N, C-alpha and C. Protein backbone atom coordinates (compact mmCIF):
# COMPACT_ATOMS: atom_id res chain seq x y z
N MET A 1 -10.05 -8.82 -16.14
CA MET A 1 -8.68 -8.31 -16.07
C MET A 1 -8.72 -6.96 -15.35
N PRO A 2 -7.88 -6.75 -14.31
CA PRO A 2 -7.84 -5.46 -13.63
C PRO A 2 -7.48 -4.34 -14.60
N GLU A 3 -8.05 -3.14 -14.36
CA GLU A 3 -7.81 -2.01 -15.25
C GLU A 3 -6.34 -1.73 -15.47
N GLU A 4 -5.53 -1.86 -14.42
CA GLU A 4 -4.13 -1.51 -14.57
C GLU A 4 -3.38 -2.48 -15.47
N GLN A 5 -4.01 -3.60 -15.84
CA GLN A 5 -3.38 -4.54 -16.74
C GLN A 5 -3.93 -4.42 -18.16
N LEU A 6 -4.96 -3.57 -18.33
CA LEU A 6 -5.51 -3.36 -19.65
C LEU A 6 -4.57 -2.51 -20.50
N PRO A 7 -4.59 -2.72 -21.82
CA PRO A 7 -3.81 -1.83 -22.68
C PRO A 7 -4.32 -0.39 -22.50
N GLU A 8 -3.43 0.58 -22.63
CA GLU A 8 -3.74 1.99 -22.38
C GLU A 8 -5.00 2.44 -23.13
N GLU A 9 -5.18 1.99 -24.37
CA GLU A 9 -6.34 2.44 -25.15
C GLU A 9 -7.66 1.89 -24.63
N GLN A 10 -7.62 0.85 -23.77
CA GLN A 10 -8.85 0.29 -23.21
C GLN A 10 -9.16 0.83 -21.82
N LEU A 11 -8.29 1.67 -21.26
CA LEU A 11 -8.53 2.22 -19.93
C LEU A 11 -9.64 3.25 -19.99
N PRO A 12 -10.51 3.29 -18.98
CA PRO A 12 -11.55 4.31 -18.97
C PRO A 12 -10.93 5.68 -18.76
N GLU A 13 -11.54 6.69 -19.35
CA GLU A 13 -11.08 8.05 -19.12
C GLU A 13 -11.32 8.41 -17.67
N ARG A 14 -10.39 9.14 -17.07
CA ARG A 14 -10.53 9.53 -15.68
C ARG A 14 -11.81 10.31 -15.46
N ALA A 15 -12.21 11.11 -16.41
CA ALA A 15 -13.42 11.93 -16.28
C ALA A 15 -14.68 11.07 -16.15
N GLU A 16 -14.61 9.81 -16.59
CA GLU A 16 -15.78 8.94 -16.49
C GLU A 16 -16.12 8.60 -15.05
N ARG A 17 -15.17 8.68 -14.13
CA ARG A 17 -15.41 8.42 -12.71
C ARG A 17 -15.42 9.74 -11.98
N GLN A 18 -16.58 10.31 -11.84
CA GLN A 18 -16.72 11.62 -11.23
C GLN A 18 -16.53 11.59 -9.72
N ASP A 19 -16.91 10.51 -9.07
CA ASP A 19 -16.99 10.50 -7.61
C ASP A 19 -15.66 10.28 -6.89
N GLU A 20 -14.62 9.83 -7.59
CA GLU A 20 -13.32 9.57 -6.98
C GLU A 20 -13.39 8.53 -5.86
N THR A 21 -14.35 7.64 -5.91
CA THR A 21 -14.41 6.53 -4.96
C THR A 21 -13.28 5.57 -5.29
N PRO A 22 -12.45 5.19 -4.30
CA PRO A 22 -11.34 4.28 -4.60
C PRO A 22 -11.82 2.92 -5.10
N ILE A 23 -11.04 2.35 -5.97
CA ILE A 23 -11.26 0.99 -6.45
C ILE A 23 -10.43 0.09 -5.55
N ASP A 24 -11.09 -0.86 -4.90
CA ASP A 24 -10.41 -1.72 -3.95
C ASP A 24 -9.63 -2.84 -4.64
N ASN A 25 -8.54 -3.25 -4.01
CA ASN A 25 -7.74 -4.37 -4.47
C ASN A 25 -8.69 -5.54 -4.73
N PRO A 26 -8.64 -6.14 -5.91
CA PRO A 26 -9.60 -7.20 -6.25
C PRO A 26 -9.28 -8.58 -5.67
N THR A 27 -8.10 -8.77 -5.10
CA THR A 27 -7.74 -10.07 -4.53
C THR A 27 -8.74 -10.41 -3.43
N GLY A 28 -9.37 -11.57 -3.50
CA GLY A 28 -10.48 -11.95 -2.62
C GLY A 28 -10.31 -11.62 -1.15
N TRP A 29 -9.29 -12.16 -0.50
CA TRP A 29 -9.13 -11.93 0.94
C TRP A 29 -8.79 -10.49 1.25
N VAL A 30 -8.04 -9.83 0.36
CA VAL A 30 -7.69 -8.42 0.58
C VAL A 30 -8.95 -7.56 0.44
N ALA A 31 -9.75 -7.83 -0.58
CA ALA A 31 -10.99 -7.08 -0.80
C ALA A 31 -11.93 -7.23 0.40
N ALA A 32 -12.04 -8.44 0.94
CA ALA A 32 -12.91 -8.66 2.11
C ALA A 32 -12.37 -7.90 3.32
N HIS A 33 -11.06 -7.89 3.48
CA HIS A 33 -10.44 -7.16 4.60
C HIS A 33 -10.71 -5.65 4.46
N ILE A 34 -10.54 -5.12 3.27
CA ILE A 34 -10.78 -3.69 3.02
C ILE A 34 -12.23 -3.35 3.31
N ARG A 35 -13.16 -4.17 2.83
CA ARG A 35 -14.60 -3.90 3.06
C ARG A 35 -14.89 -3.83 4.54
N ARG A 36 -14.39 -4.80 5.30
CA ARG A 36 -14.63 -4.84 6.74
C ARG A 36 -14.04 -3.59 7.41
N TYR A 37 -12.83 -3.26 7.06
CA TYR A 37 -12.13 -2.10 7.61
C TYR A 37 -12.92 -0.82 7.30
N HIS A 38 -13.23 -0.64 6.02
CA HIS A 38 -13.89 0.59 5.56
C HIS A 38 -15.31 0.72 6.10
N ARG A 39 -16.09 -0.34 5.99
CA ARG A 39 -17.50 -0.27 6.42
C ARG A 39 -17.66 -0.01 7.91
N SER A 40 -16.68 -0.44 8.70
CA SER A 40 -16.75 -0.22 10.15
C SER A 40 -16.17 1.14 10.55
N GLY A 41 -15.70 1.91 9.56
CA GLY A 41 -15.08 3.18 9.87
C GLY A 41 -13.74 3.01 10.56
N GLY A 42 -13.14 1.83 10.45
CA GLY A 42 -11.85 1.55 11.06
C GLY A 42 -11.95 0.91 12.44
N LYS A 43 -13.18 0.69 12.91
CA LYS A 43 -13.36 0.04 14.22
C LYS A 43 -13.00 -1.45 14.15
N GLU A 44 -13.13 -2.03 12.96
CA GLU A 44 -12.78 -3.44 12.72
C GLU A 44 -11.80 -3.49 11.56
N GLY A 45 -10.94 -4.48 11.58
CA GLY A 45 -10.05 -4.69 10.45
C GLY A 45 -8.65 -4.13 10.61
N GLN A 46 -8.45 -3.26 11.60
CA GLN A 46 -7.09 -2.74 11.75
C GLN A 46 -6.13 -3.87 12.09
N LYS A 47 -6.60 -4.87 12.80
CA LYS A 47 -5.77 -6.04 13.09
C LYS A 47 -6.12 -7.14 12.08
N TRP A 48 -5.10 -7.73 11.49
CA TRP A 48 -5.26 -8.86 10.58
C TRP A 48 -4.34 -9.95 11.09
N TYR A 49 -4.95 -11.00 11.64
CA TYR A 49 -4.18 -12.09 12.27
C TYR A 49 -3.16 -11.53 13.27
N GLY A 50 -3.60 -10.54 14.04
CA GLY A 50 -2.76 -9.95 15.07
C GLY A 50 -1.79 -8.87 14.59
N LEU A 51 -1.76 -8.61 13.29
CA LEU A 51 -0.84 -7.62 12.72
C LEU A 51 -1.58 -6.31 12.44
N ASP A 52 -0.92 -5.19 12.70
CA ASP A 52 -1.51 -3.89 12.40
C ASP A 52 -1.53 -3.67 10.90
N THR A 53 -2.70 -3.27 10.40
CA THR A 53 -2.82 -2.97 8.98
C THR A 53 -3.43 -1.58 8.79
N LEU A 54 -3.15 -1.01 7.65
CA LEU A 54 -3.72 0.27 7.27
C LEU A 54 -4.34 0.13 5.90
N LEU A 55 -5.19 1.08 5.56
CA LEU A 55 -5.70 1.17 4.20
C LEU A 55 -4.91 2.26 3.50
N LEU A 56 -4.33 1.92 2.37
CA LEU A 56 -3.52 2.83 1.58
C LEU A 56 -4.23 3.13 0.27
N THR A 57 -4.46 4.40 0.00
CA THR A 57 -5.10 4.81 -1.25
C THR A 57 -4.09 5.58 -2.08
N THR A 58 -3.82 5.06 -3.27
CA THR A 58 -2.87 5.65 -4.20
C THR A 58 -3.60 6.08 -5.46
N ARG A 59 -2.91 6.83 -6.31
CA ARG A 59 -3.45 7.22 -7.62
C ARG A 59 -2.85 6.28 -8.65
N GLY A 60 -3.69 5.59 -9.41
CA GLY A 60 -3.20 4.66 -10.44
C GLY A 60 -2.32 5.38 -11.44
N ARG A 61 -1.14 4.86 -11.67
CA ARG A 61 -0.16 5.53 -12.53
C ARG A 61 -0.57 5.53 -14.00
N LYS A 62 -1.41 4.59 -14.41
CA LYS A 62 -1.88 4.54 -15.80
C LYS A 62 -3.30 5.08 -15.92
N SER A 63 -4.17 4.65 -15.03
CA SER A 63 -5.59 5.03 -15.14
C SER A 63 -5.89 6.39 -14.52
N GLY A 64 -5.09 6.81 -13.55
CA GLY A 64 -5.39 8.05 -12.84
C GLY A 64 -6.47 7.88 -11.79
N LEU A 65 -6.98 6.67 -11.62
CA LEU A 65 -8.05 6.41 -10.66
C LEU A 65 -7.46 6.11 -9.29
N LEU A 66 -8.26 6.35 -8.26
CA LEU A 66 -7.82 6.03 -6.90
C LEU A 66 -7.90 4.52 -6.69
N ARG A 67 -6.85 3.97 -6.07
CA ARG A 67 -6.75 2.53 -5.78
C ARG A 67 -6.52 2.36 -4.29
N ARG A 68 -7.25 1.41 -3.68
CA ARG A 68 -7.10 1.19 -2.23
C ARG A 68 -6.72 -0.25 -1.96
N THR A 69 -5.77 -0.43 -1.03
CA THR A 69 -5.36 -1.75 -0.61
C THR A 69 -5.08 -1.74 0.88
N ALA A 70 -4.94 -2.91 1.45
CA ALA A 70 -4.59 -3.06 2.87
C ALA A 70 -3.14 -3.52 2.94
N VAL A 71 -2.39 -2.93 3.89
CA VAL A 71 -0.97 -3.22 4.00
C VAL A 71 -0.59 -3.30 5.49
N ILE A 72 0.27 -4.24 5.82
CA ILE A 72 0.85 -4.32 7.17
C ILE A 72 1.78 -3.12 7.33
N TYR A 73 1.80 -2.54 8.52
CA TYR A 73 2.66 -1.38 8.72
C TYR A 73 3.36 -1.42 10.07
N GLY A 74 4.39 -0.59 10.15
CA GLY A 74 5.08 -0.34 11.41
C GLY A 74 5.25 1.16 11.55
N ARG A 75 5.74 1.58 12.70
CA ARG A 75 5.96 3.01 12.95
C ARG A 75 7.43 3.25 13.26
N HIS A 76 7.92 4.34 12.72
CA HIS A 76 9.29 4.78 12.98
C HIS A 76 9.21 6.28 13.21
N GLY A 77 9.18 6.67 14.48
CA GLY A 77 8.93 8.07 14.81
C GLY A 77 7.53 8.43 14.35
N GLU A 78 7.40 9.54 13.65
CA GLU A 78 6.09 9.96 13.12
C GLU A 78 5.74 9.26 11.82
N ASN A 79 6.70 8.59 11.22
CA ASN A 79 6.49 7.99 9.91
C ASN A 79 5.88 6.59 10.01
N ILE A 80 5.18 6.23 8.95
CA ILE A 80 4.59 4.90 8.79
C ILE A 80 5.47 4.15 7.80
N ILE A 81 5.77 2.89 8.12
CA ILE A 81 6.65 2.08 7.27
C ILE A 81 5.87 0.90 6.71
N VAL A 82 5.97 0.70 5.40
CA VAL A 82 5.34 -0.43 4.73
C VAL A 82 6.38 -1.09 3.81
N VAL A 83 6.10 -2.32 3.43
CA VAL A 83 7.05 -3.11 2.63
C VAL A 83 6.36 -3.57 1.34
N GLY A 84 7.01 -3.34 0.22
CA GLY A 84 6.48 -3.75 -1.08
C GLY A 84 6.90 -5.15 -1.44
N SER A 85 6.46 -6.13 -0.64
CA SER A 85 6.94 -7.50 -0.82
C SER A 85 6.25 -8.23 -1.97
N ASN A 86 4.97 -8.00 -2.15
CA ASN A 86 4.17 -8.72 -3.16
C ASN A 86 4.35 -10.23 -3.01
N GLY A 87 4.50 -10.66 -1.75
CA GLY A 87 4.63 -12.10 -1.48
C GLY A 87 5.87 -12.73 -2.08
N GLY A 88 6.87 -11.91 -2.43
CA GLY A 88 8.09 -12.44 -3.04
C GLY A 88 7.98 -12.68 -4.53
N LYS A 89 6.93 -12.18 -5.15
CA LYS A 89 6.80 -12.32 -6.61
C LYS A 89 7.88 -11.51 -7.31
N PRO A 90 8.15 -11.81 -8.58
CA PRO A 90 9.22 -11.11 -9.30
C PRO A 90 8.95 -9.62 -9.53
N GLU A 91 7.69 -9.22 -9.50
CA GLU A 91 7.36 -7.83 -9.78
C GLU A 91 6.89 -7.10 -8.51
N HIS A 92 7.14 -5.79 -8.51
CA HIS A 92 6.69 -4.97 -7.39
C HIS A 92 5.16 -4.95 -7.34
N PRO A 93 4.59 -4.74 -6.15
CA PRO A 93 3.13 -4.60 -6.08
C PRO A 93 2.70 -3.32 -6.81
N LEU A 94 1.50 -3.34 -7.37
CA LEU A 94 1.00 -2.19 -8.11
C LEU A 94 0.94 -0.94 -7.24
N TRP A 95 0.58 -1.10 -5.96
CA TRP A 95 0.49 0.08 -5.10
C TRP A 95 1.85 0.77 -4.98
N TYR A 96 2.93 -0.01 -4.96
CA TYR A 96 4.27 0.57 -4.88
C TYR A 96 4.59 1.35 -6.16
N LEU A 97 4.31 0.75 -7.31
CA LEU A 97 4.55 1.43 -8.59
C LEU A 97 3.74 2.72 -8.67
N ASN A 98 2.52 2.69 -8.14
CA ASN A 98 1.70 3.90 -8.11
C ASN A 98 2.35 4.98 -7.24
N LEU A 99 2.90 4.58 -6.09
CA LEU A 99 3.55 5.57 -5.21
C LEU A 99 4.81 6.14 -5.83
N VAL A 100 5.54 5.33 -6.58
CA VAL A 100 6.73 5.84 -7.25
C VAL A 100 6.32 6.92 -8.26
N ALA A 101 5.23 6.68 -8.97
CA ALA A 101 4.75 7.64 -9.97
C ALA A 101 4.12 8.88 -9.33
N THR A 102 3.35 8.67 -8.26
CA THR A 102 2.66 9.76 -7.56
C THR A 102 2.80 9.51 -6.07
N PRO A 103 3.76 10.14 -5.42
CA PRO A 103 4.03 9.85 -4.00
C PRO A 103 2.95 10.31 -3.03
N GLU A 104 2.07 11.20 -3.44
CA GLU A 104 1.02 11.65 -2.55
C GLU A 104 -0.03 10.55 -2.45
N ALA A 105 -0.42 10.22 -1.20
CA ALA A 105 -1.38 9.14 -0.98
C ALA A 105 -2.19 9.45 0.27
N HIS A 106 -3.14 8.57 0.55
CA HIS A 106 -3.99 8.72 1.73
C HIS A 106 -3.93 7.43 2.54
N VAL A 107 -3.93 7.58 3.86
CA VAL A 107 -3.85 6.44 4.76
C VAL A 107 -5.00 6.49 5.75
N GLN A 108 -5.53 5.32 6.04
CA GLN A 108 -6.47 5.17 7.15
C GLN A 108 -5.87 4.15 8.11
N ILE A 109 -5.70 4.56 9.36
CA ILE A 109 -5.27 3.65 10.42
C ILE A 109 -6.36 3.70 11.47
N GLY A 110 -7.07 2.59 11.61
CA GLY A 110 -8.22 2.59 12.51
C GLY A 110 -9.21 3.65 12.04
N GLU A 111 -9.61 4.52 12.93
CA GLU A 111 -10.57 5.58 12.58
C GLU A 111 -9.90 6.85 12.09
N GLU A 112 -8.58 6.88 12.11
CA GLU A 112 -7.82 8.07 11.73
C GLU A 112 -7.50 8.07 10.23
N HIS A 113 -7.71 9.21 9.60
CA HIS A 113 -7.40 9.41 8.18
C HIS A 113 -6.39 10.53 8.04
N PHE A 114 -5.40 10.36 7.17
CA PHE A 114 -4.46 11.45 6.92
C PHE A 114 -3.74 11.23 5.59
N ASP A 115 -3.22 12.33 5.05
CA ASP A 115 -2.47 12.28 3.80
C ASP A 115 -1.00 12.05 4.11
N VAL A 116 -0.33 11.38 3.19
CA VAL A 116 1.10 11.08 3.33
C VAL A 116 1.82 11.38 2.03
N ARG A 117 3.12 11.49 2.15
CA ARG A 117 4.00 11.55 0.98
C ARG A 117 4.95 10.36 1.13
N ALA A 118 5.03 9.55 0.09
CA ALA A 118 5.81 8.31 0.13
C ALA A 118 7.18 8.49 -0.50
N ARG A 119 8.13 7.76 0.05
CA ARG A 119 9.44 7.66 -0.57
C ARG A 119 10.04 6.31 -0.20
N THR A 120 10.83 5.78 -1.10
CA THR A 120 11.51 4.51 -0.84
C THR A 120 12.71 4.77 0.06
N ALA A 121 12.87 3.94 1.08
CA ALA A 121 14.01 4.09 1.99
C ALA A 121 15.31 3.96 1.19
N ASN A 122 16.26 4.82 1.52
CA ASN A 122 17.55 4.75 0.83
C ASN A 122 18.43 3.68 1.49
N ALA A 123 19.61 3.47 0.93
CA ALA A 123 20.51 2.41 1.39
C ALA A 123 20.92 2.58 2.86
N GLU A 124 21.00 3.81 3.32
CA GLU A 124 21.36 4.05 4.72
C GLU A 124 20.19 3.76 5.66
N GLU A 125 18.98 4.08 5.23
CA GLU A 125 17.79 3.92 6.07
C GLU A 125 17.27 2.48 6.10
N LYS A 126 17.43 1.79 4.99
CA LYS A 126 16.75 0.50 4.83
C LYS A 126 17.10 -0.56 5.88
N PRO A 127 18.37 -0.76 6.24
CA PRO A 127 18.65 -1.85 7.19
C PRO A 127 17.87 -1.74 8.50
N GLU A 128 17.82 -0.56 9.08
CA GLU A 128 17.08 -0.38 10.33
C GLU A 128 15.58 -0.61 10.13
N LEU A 129 15.05 -0.10 9.03
CA LEU A 129 13.61 -0.23 8.77
C LEU A 129 13.25 -1.67 8.38
N TRP A 130 14.14 -2.34 7.64
CA TRP A 130 13.92 -3.76 7.29
C TRP A 130 13.87 -4.60 8.57
N LYS A 131 14.78 -4.32 9.50
CA LYS A 131 14.80 -5.04 10.77
C LYS A 131 13.50 -4.80 11.53
N LEU A 132 13.04 -3.56 11.55
CA LEU A 132 11.77 -3.23 12.20
C LEU A 132 10.63 -4.06 11.59
N MET A 133 10.55 -4.05 10.27
CA MET A 133 9.42 -4.71 9.59
C MET A 133 9.50 -6.23 9.62
N THR A 134 10.71 -6.79 9.55
CA THR A 134 10.82 -8.25 9.66
C THR A 134 10.58 -8.70 11.10
N GLY A 135 10.76 -7.81 12.04
CA GLY A 135 10.39 -8.10 13.42
C GLY A 135 8.88 -8.17 13.60
N ILE A 136 8.16 -7.38 12.81
CA ILE A 136 6.70 -7.37 12.84
C ILE A 136 6.14 -8.55 12.03
N PHE A 137 6.73 -8.79 10.86
CA PHE A 137 6.25 -9.83 9.94
C PHE A 137 7.46 -10.58 9.38
N PRO A 138 7.92 -11.62 10.09
CA PRO A 138 9.14 -12.33 9.68
C PRO A 138 9.10 -12.93 8.27
N GLN A 139 7.91 -13.16 7.72
CA GLN A 139 7.80 -13.75 6.38
C GLN A 139 8.46 -12.88 5.31
N TYR A 140 8.63 -11.59 5.58
CA TYR A 140 9.31 -10.74 4.60
C TYR A 140 10.68 -11.29 4.24
N LYS A 141 11.37 -11.90 5.20
CA LYS A 141 12.69 -12.48 4.93
C LYS A 141 12.60 -13.59 3.90
N SER A 142 11.60 -14.46 4.04
CA SER A 142 11.45 -15.56 3.06
C SER A 142 11.00 -15.01 1.70
N TYR A 143 10.21 -13.94 1.71
CA TYR A 143 9.81 -13.33 0.44
C TYR A 143 11.04 -12.79 -0.29
N GLN A 144 11.96 -12.17 0.45
CA GLN A 144 13.17 -11.62 -0.18
C GLN A 144 14.01 -12.75 -0.77
N LYS A 145 14.05 -13.91 -0.11
CA LYS A 145 14.81 -15.05 -0.63
C LYS A 145 14.18 -15.63 -1.89
N LYS A 146 12.86 -15.47 -2.04
CA LYS A 146 12.14 -16.01 -3.20
C LYS A 146 12.36 -15.21 -4.47
N THR A 147 12.78 -13.96 -4.36
CA THR A 147 12.83 -13.09 -5.53
C THR A 147 14.23 -12.52 -5.74
N THR A 148 14.52 -12.16 -6.98
CA THR A 148 15.80 -11.52 -7.28
C THR A 148 15.70 -10.00 -7.15
N ARG A 149 14.50 -9.46 -7.12
CA ARG A 149 14.37 -8.00 -6.98
C ARG A 149 14.58 -7.60 -5.53
N GLU A 150 15.05 -6.41 -5.32
CA GLU A 150 15.19 -5.90 -3.96
C GLU A 150 13.82 -5.42 -3.51
N ILE A 151 13.32 -6.01 -2.44
CA ILE A 151 12.02 -5.62 -1.91
C ILE A 151 12.15 -4.24 -1.27
N PRO A 152 11.34 -3.29 -1.74
CA PRO A 152 11.46 -1.93 -1.20
C PRO A 152 10.77 -1.76 0.15
N VAL A 153 11.38 -0.93 0.97
CA VAL A 153 10.77 -0.47 2.21
C VAL A 153 10.36 0.97 1.94
N VAL A 154 9.11 1.29 2.24
CA VAL A 154 8.55 2.59 1.91
C VAL A 154 8.25 3.37 3.18
N ILE A 155 8.67 4.61 3.17
CA ILE A 155 8.41 5.52 4.28
C ILE A 155 7.25 6.41 3.88
N LEU A 156 6.19 6.38 4.68
CA LEU A 156 5.03 7.24 4.45
C LEU A 156 5.12 8.37 5.48
N GLU A 157 5.43 9.54 4.99
CA GLU A 157 5.58 10.70 5.87
C GLU A 157 4.27 11.47 5.92
N PRO A 158 3.66 11.60 7.12
CA PRO A 158 2.41 12.37 7.22
C PRO A 158 2.62 13.80 6.70
N VAL A 159 1.63 14.26 5.95
CA VAL A 159 1.65 15.62 5.44
C VAL A 159 1.06 16.53 6.51
N LYS A 160 1.82 17.51 6.92
CA LYS A 160 1.34 18.45 7.94
C LYS A 160 0.30 19.37 7.32
N GLN A 161 -0.82 19.49 7.98
CA GLN A 161 -1.91 20.35 7.47
C GLN A 161 -1.73 21.78 7.90
């Protein structure tokens, strides 16, 4: 059972993980994609079936541990856009819930690494960004039809150093 699904009393103390190495998404194909992306330093894995992907590292809202996953993305000006589709499942993806709790995150795109601050697109922003992302990955439309929840569009704003 993934840590984020364990009862709070069974979660490891954050202090037990001194190194802050991210825990990768355990889903088989996602984990393999992350390994390839990470091990190559971003030289491989940025494209997944022709789609641009990034590695997103969030802070677990319950465990406090770093969590890493791969996500399809688009660009809107300087911002990075991602969609919390979870394949149209009834619940939001864990990475999205983590960003809602702690908006500060880390992104790797190819060989480039940078920090971001996440926010959910508001009602005025979402239509344009939804169109952008469904243009990149049309399956998002069918995922939205599969679920009663509103699939969030997330804006990752690079943090200026």
